[in-house]
N, C-alpha and C. Protein backbone atom coordinates (compact mmCIF):
# COMPACT_ATOMS: atom_id res chain seq x y z
N MET A 1 -33.09 2.68 -2.14
CA MET A 1 -32.86 3.48 -3.35
C MET A 1 -31.77 2.85 -4.22
N PRO A 2 -32.07 2.57 -5.48
CA PRO A 2 -31.05 2.01 -6.36
C PRO A 2 -29.89 2.99 -6.59
N PHE A 3 -30.23 4.29 -6.57
CA PHE A 3 -29.20 5.31 -6.79
C PHE A 3 -28.15 5.27 -5.68
N GLU A 4 -28.64 5.16 -4.43
CA GLU A 4 -27.71 5.10 -3.30
C GLU A 4 -26.84 3.85 -3.37
N ARG A 5 -27.46 2.75 -3.78
CA ARG A 5 -26.71 1.51 -3.91
C ARG A 5 -25.62 1.65 -4.98
N ALA A 6 -25.99 2.31 -6.09
CA ALA A 6 -25.03 2.52 -7.17
C ALA A 6 -23.90 3.42 -6.69
N LEU A 7 -24.26 4.44 -5.90
CA LEU A 7 -23.25 5.37 -5.39
C LEU A 7 -22.27 4.66 -4.47
N SER A 8 -22.78 3.81 -3.57
CA SER A 8 -21.89 3.08 -2.65
C SER A 8 -21.04 2.10 -3.44
N GLY A 9 -21.60 1.50 -4.48
CA GLY A 9 -20.84 0.59 -5.33
C GLY A 9 -19.72 1.33 -6.05
N TYR A 10 -20.02 2.53 -6.53
CA TYR A 10 -19.01 3.35 -7.20
C TYR A 10 -17.90 3.74 -6.24
N ALA A 11 -18.28 4.10 -4.99
CA ALA A 11 -17.29 4.48 -3.98
C ALA A 11 -16.36 3.30 -3.70
N ARG A 12 -16.95 2.11 -3.57
CA ARG A 12 -16.13 0.91 -3.32
C ARG A 12 -15.20 0.65 -4.50
N PHE A 13 -15.74 0.84 -5.72
CA PHE A 13 -14.95 0.63 -6.93
C PHE A 13 -13.78 1.60 -7.01
N SER A 14 -14.03 2.89 -6.69
CA SER A 14 -12.97 3.88 -6.76
C SER A 14 -11.90 3.61 -5.71
N GLU A 15 -12.33 3.12 -4.53
CA GLU A 15 -11.36 2.73 -3.48
C GLU A 15 -10.48 1.59 -3.99
N PHE A 16 -11.10 0.62 -4.65
CA PHE A 16 -10.37 -0.52 -5.21
C PHE A 16 -9.34 -0.05 -6.25
N ILE A 17 -9.77 0.88 -7.13
CA ILE A 17 -8.87 1.40 -8.16
C ILE A 17 -7.70 2.14 -7.52
N ARG A 18 -7.99 2.94 -6.48
CA ARG A 18 -6.93 3.69 -5.80
C ARG A 18 -5.93 2.74 -5.17
N ALA A 19 -6.42 1.68 -4.52
CA ALA A 19 -5.54 0.69 -3.89
C ALA A 19 -4.68 0.01 -4.95
N LYS A 20 -5.30 -0.33 -6.09
CA LYS A 20 -4.57 -0.99 -7.16
C LYS A 20 -3.48 -0.07 -7.71
N LYS A 21 -3.81 1.21 -7.89
CA LYS A 21 -2.83 2.17 -8.41
C LYS A 21 -1.64 2.30 -7.46
N SER A 22 -1.93 2.42 -6.15
CA SER A 22 -0.84 2.59 -5.19
C SER A 22 0.03 1.34 -5.13
N SER A 23 -0.58 0.16 -5.21
CA SER A 23 0.21 -1.08 -5.19
C SER A 23 1.05 -1.20 -6.46
N MET A 24 0.49 -0.77 -7.60
CA MET A 24 1.24 -0.80 -8.85
C MET A 24 2.42 0.17 -8.78
N ARG A 25 2.21 1.33 -8.15
CA ARG A 25 3.29 2.32 -8.01
C ARG A 25 4.40 1.76 -7.14
N LYS A 26 4.02 1.08 -6.04
CA LYS A 26 5.01 0.47 -5.16
C LYS A 26 5.81 -0.58 -5.92
N LEU A 27 5.13 -1.39 -6.72
CA LEU A 27 5.79 -2.42 -7.51
C LEU A 27 6.74 -1.78 -8.52
N ASP A 28 6.29 -0.70 -9.16
CA ASP A 28 7.10 0.02 -10.14
C ASP A 28 8.38 0.55 -9.50
N ILE A 29 8.24 1.16 -8.31
CA ILE A 29 9.39 1.69 -7.58
C ILE A 29 10.35 0.56 -7.22
N PHE A 30 9.79 -0.56 -6.75
CA PHE A 30 10.60 -1.72 -6.37
C PHE A 30 11.41 -2.22 -7.56
N VAL A 31 10.76 -2.34 -8.72
CA VAL A 31 11.43 -2.82 -9.94
C VAL A 31 12.52 -1.84 -10.36
N LYS A 32 12.22 -0.54 -10.30
CA LYS A 32 13.21 0.47 -10.67
C LYS A 32 14.44 0.39 -9.78
N GLU A 33 14.22 0.21 -8.47
CA GLU A 33 15.34 0.10 -7.54
C GLU A 33 16.19 -1.13 -7.86
N LYS A 34 15.54 -2.24 -8.17
CA LYS A 34 16.27 -3.46 -8.53
C LYS A 34 17.11 -3.23 -9.78
N MET A 35 16.54 -2.55 -10.78
CA MET A 35 17.25 -2.28 -12.02
C MET A 35 18.45 -1.38 -11.76
N GLU A 36 18.27 -0.38 -10.90
CA GLU A 36 19.37 0.52 -10.56
C GLU A 36 20.52 -0.25 -9.91
N LYS A 37 20.19 -1.16 -9.01
CA LYS A 37 21.21 -1.96 -8.33
C LYS A 37 21.95 -2.85 -9.32
N LYS A 38 21.22 -3.42 -10.28
CA LYS A 38 21.86 -4.29 -11.28
C LYS A 38 22.80 -3.50 -12.17
N ARG A 39 22.43 -2.26 -12.48
CA ARG A 39 23.22 -1.43 -13.38
C ARG A 39 24.56 -1.06 -12.77
N LYS A 40 24.56 -0.85 -11.43
CA LYS A 40 25.79 -0.43 -10.75
C LYS A 40 26.81 -1.57 -10.65
């Protein structure tokens, strides 16, 4: 079924987006902490 294939592709895509968002958040937190240390 092409529909099922599309659905599994969408699930994989959403997992990828979630992973990217969490890694970006970690990077953002890391940068903020570095900036805080520099300011002090």
